[in-house]
Amino acid sequence: MSNKNKKNSGYVLIELTVAMFLLGVLLVAFALALNGFARFNRFQLIRQRCTAAAQAQLDSIATTGKPIAEEDFRRLWPRLEVSIKESDGTGQWQGLNLVEVETNGMSFNQKVKVRLSRYMAAKIPSAGQEQ
């Protein structure tokens, strides 16, 4: 083997090593970016589910006067928690009830919280009930 070939074989080995290292760094960066996108998408999905659950609770209260039954809520939105608060309206909203619905969920290690509220007509007792 000539002296020239020995010199080039070492150079090629170093080029291959550097190229493999750079390719590895790019693959790790790509994997981290995909993980970040997955986390973001999961957060958005949970936030969308929380919003849908809260809106459905408000719609149910507005139309039927009561929230969705607990077993139906668990069936439709597993792993979500809901809390409902009602209070009397104040100021220009006096005479109405303020209904606040808060839904919570978990996305990886991040808590997702959505709170929706709506003013609704106060419940008027029917003829046979006391006021």
Protein backbone atom coordinates (compact mmCIF):
# COMPACT_ATOMS: atom_id res chain seq x y z
CA MET A 1 0.00 0.00 0.00
CA SER A 2 1.40 3.37 -0.90
CA ASN A 3 1.93 6.17 1.54
CA LYS A 4 -0.77 8.28 -0.18
CA ASN A 5 -3.54 5.63 0.38
CA LYS A 6 -2.74 5.35 4.10
CA LYS A 7 -3.16 9.12 4.48
CA ASN A 8 -6.60 9.16 2.72
CA SER A 9 -8.01 6.18 4.63
CA GLY A 10 -7.69 8.03 7.95
CA TYR A 11 -9.35 11.10 6.46
CA VAL A 12 -12.35 9.07 5.25
CA LEU A 13 -12.78 7.48 8.68
CA ILE A 14 -12.91 10.92 10.33
CA GLU A 15 -15.42 12.16 7.73
CA LEU A 16 -17.66 9.16 8.35
CA THR A 17 -17.47 9.63 12.12
CA VAL A 18 -18.39 13.33 11.88
CA ALA A 19 -21.21 12.60 9.44
CA MET A 20 -22.67 9.90 11.73
CA PHE A 21 -22.44 12.25 14.71
CA LEU A 22 -24.25 15.04 12.84
CA LEU A 23 -26.91 12.63 11.64
CA GLY A 24 -27.43 11.43 15.23
CA VAL A 25 -27.80 15.02 16.47
CA LEU A 26 -30.37 15.75 13.75
CA LEU A 27 -32.36 12.63 14.60
CA VAL A 28 -32.43 13.53 18.31
CA ALA A 29 -33.57 17.08 17.48
CA PHE A 30 -36.29 15.68 15.21
CA ALA A 31 -37.49 13.29 17.94
CA LEU A 32 -37.63 16.13 20.50
CA ALA A 33 -39.60 18.30 18.07
CA LEU A 34 -42.11 15.51 17.47
CA ASN A 35 -42.50 15.02 21.21
CA GLY A 36 -43.17 18.74 21.64
CA PHE A 37 -45.82 18.67 18.92
CA ALA A 38 -47.44 15.61 20.50
CA ARG A 39 -47.61 17.34 23.89
CA PHE A 40 -49.09 20.50 22.34
CA ASN A 41 -51.68 18.54 20.36
CA ARG A 42 -52.66 16.53 23.46
CA PHE A 43 -53.09 19.78 25.44
CA GLN A 44 -55.30 21.25 22.71
CA LEU A 45 -57.38 18.07 22.54
CA ILE A 46 -58.01 18.07 26.31
CA ARG A 47 -58.83 21.79 26.21
CA GLN A 48 -61.33 21.18 23.41
CA ARG A 49 -62.95 18.33 25.38
CA CYS A 50 -63.19 20.53 28.48
CA THR A 51 -64.83 23.30 26.46
CA ALA A 52 -67.31 20.88 24.88
CA ALA A 53 -68.22 19.38 28.28
CA ALA A 54 -68.72 22.81 29.89
CA GLN A 55 -70.82 24.04 26.97
CA ALA A 56 -72.96 20.89 27.09
CA GLN A 57 -73.54 21.37 30.83
CA LEU A 58 -74.60 24.99 30.26
CA ASP A 59 -76.91 23.97 27.41
CA SER A 60 -78.45 21.21 29.53
CA ILE A 61 -79.07 23.59 32.43
CA ALA A 62 -80.56 26.19 30.07
CA THR A 63 -82.95 23.75 28.39
CA THR A 64 -83.88 21.28 31.14
CA GLY A 65 -83.04 23.22 34.27
CA LYS A 66 -80.60 20.57 35.51
CA PRO A 67 -77.08 19.44 34.58
CA ILE A 68 -76.19 16.28 32.68
CA ALA A 69 -76.47 13.21 34.91
CA GLU A 70 -73.17 12.12 36.48
CA GLU A 71 -73.11 8.69 34.82
CA ASP A 72 -73.81 10.21 31.40
CA PHE A 73 -71.10 12.81 31.93
CA ARG A 74 -68.56 10.08 32.89
CA ARG A 75 -69.53 8.07 29.81
CA LEU A 76 -69.21 11.03 27.44
CA TRP A 77 -66.11 12.67 28.95
CA PRO A 78 -64.02 10.17 30.91
CA ARG A 79 -61.13 11.61 32.95
CA LEU A 80 -62.74 15.06 33.15
CA GLU A 81 -64.04 16.70 36.31
CA VAL A 82 -66.82 19.25 36.40
CA SER A 83 -68.08 21.73 39.00
CA ILE A 84 -71.14 23.93 38.71
CA LYS A 85 -71.83 27.10 40.72
CA GLU A 86 -74.98 29.19 40.63
CA SER A 87 -75.32 32.70 42.03
CA ASP A 88 -77.74 35.59 41.72
CA GLY A 89 -77.00 38.26 39.15
CA THR A 90 -76.01 41.73 40.32
CA GLY A 91 -76.36 45.18 38.79
CA GLN A 92 -77.88 45.10 35.32
CA TRP A 93 -78.08 41.29 35.61
CA GLN A 94 -80.30 41.40 38.70
CA GLY A 95 -83.18 38.96 38.39
CA LEU A 96 -81.05 36.46 36.47
CA ASN A 97 -78.93 33.58 37.72
CA LEU A 98 -75.24 33.34 36.89
CA VAL A 99 -74.29 29.71 36.18
CA GLU A 100 -70.55 28.99 36.12
CA VAL A 101 -69.28 25.62 34.87
CA GLU A 102 -65.64 24.66 35.34
CA THR A 103 -64.13 21.55 33.77
CA ASN A 104 -60.67 20.16 34.52
CA GLY A 105 -58.53 17.56 32.79
CA MET A 106 -54.91 16.44 32.69
CA SER A 107 -52.61 16.53 29.66
CA PHE A 108 -49.38 14.73 30.51
CA ASN A 109 -48.37 16.59 33.72
CA GLN A 110 -50.21 19.80 32.89
CA LYS A 111 -53.63 20.69 34.28
CA VAL A 112 -56.18 22.03 31.80
CA LYS A 113 -58.96 24.20 33.20
CA VAL A 114 -61.87 25.73 31.27
CA ARG A 115 -64.48 27.96 32.91
CA LEU A 116 -67.63 29.06 31.08
CA SER A 117 -70.50 31.10 32.48
CA ARG A 118 -73.92 32.21 31.35
CA TYR A 119 -76.73 34.31 32.77
CA MET A 120 -80.05 32.50 32.71
CA ALA A 121 -83.58 33.39 33.68
CA ALA A 122 -84.28 32.81 37.35
CA LYS A 123 -86.41 29.76 38.04
CA ILE A 124 -90.01 30.77 38.65
CA PRO A 125 -91.84 28.48 41.08
CA SER A 126 -94.91 26.82 39.58
CA ALA A 127 -98.43 27.51 40.89
CA GLY A 128 -98.49 24.82 43.60
CA GLN A 129 -95.08 25.70 45.16
CA GLU A 130 -94.18 28.22 47.82
CA GLN A 131 -91.92 31.12 46.99
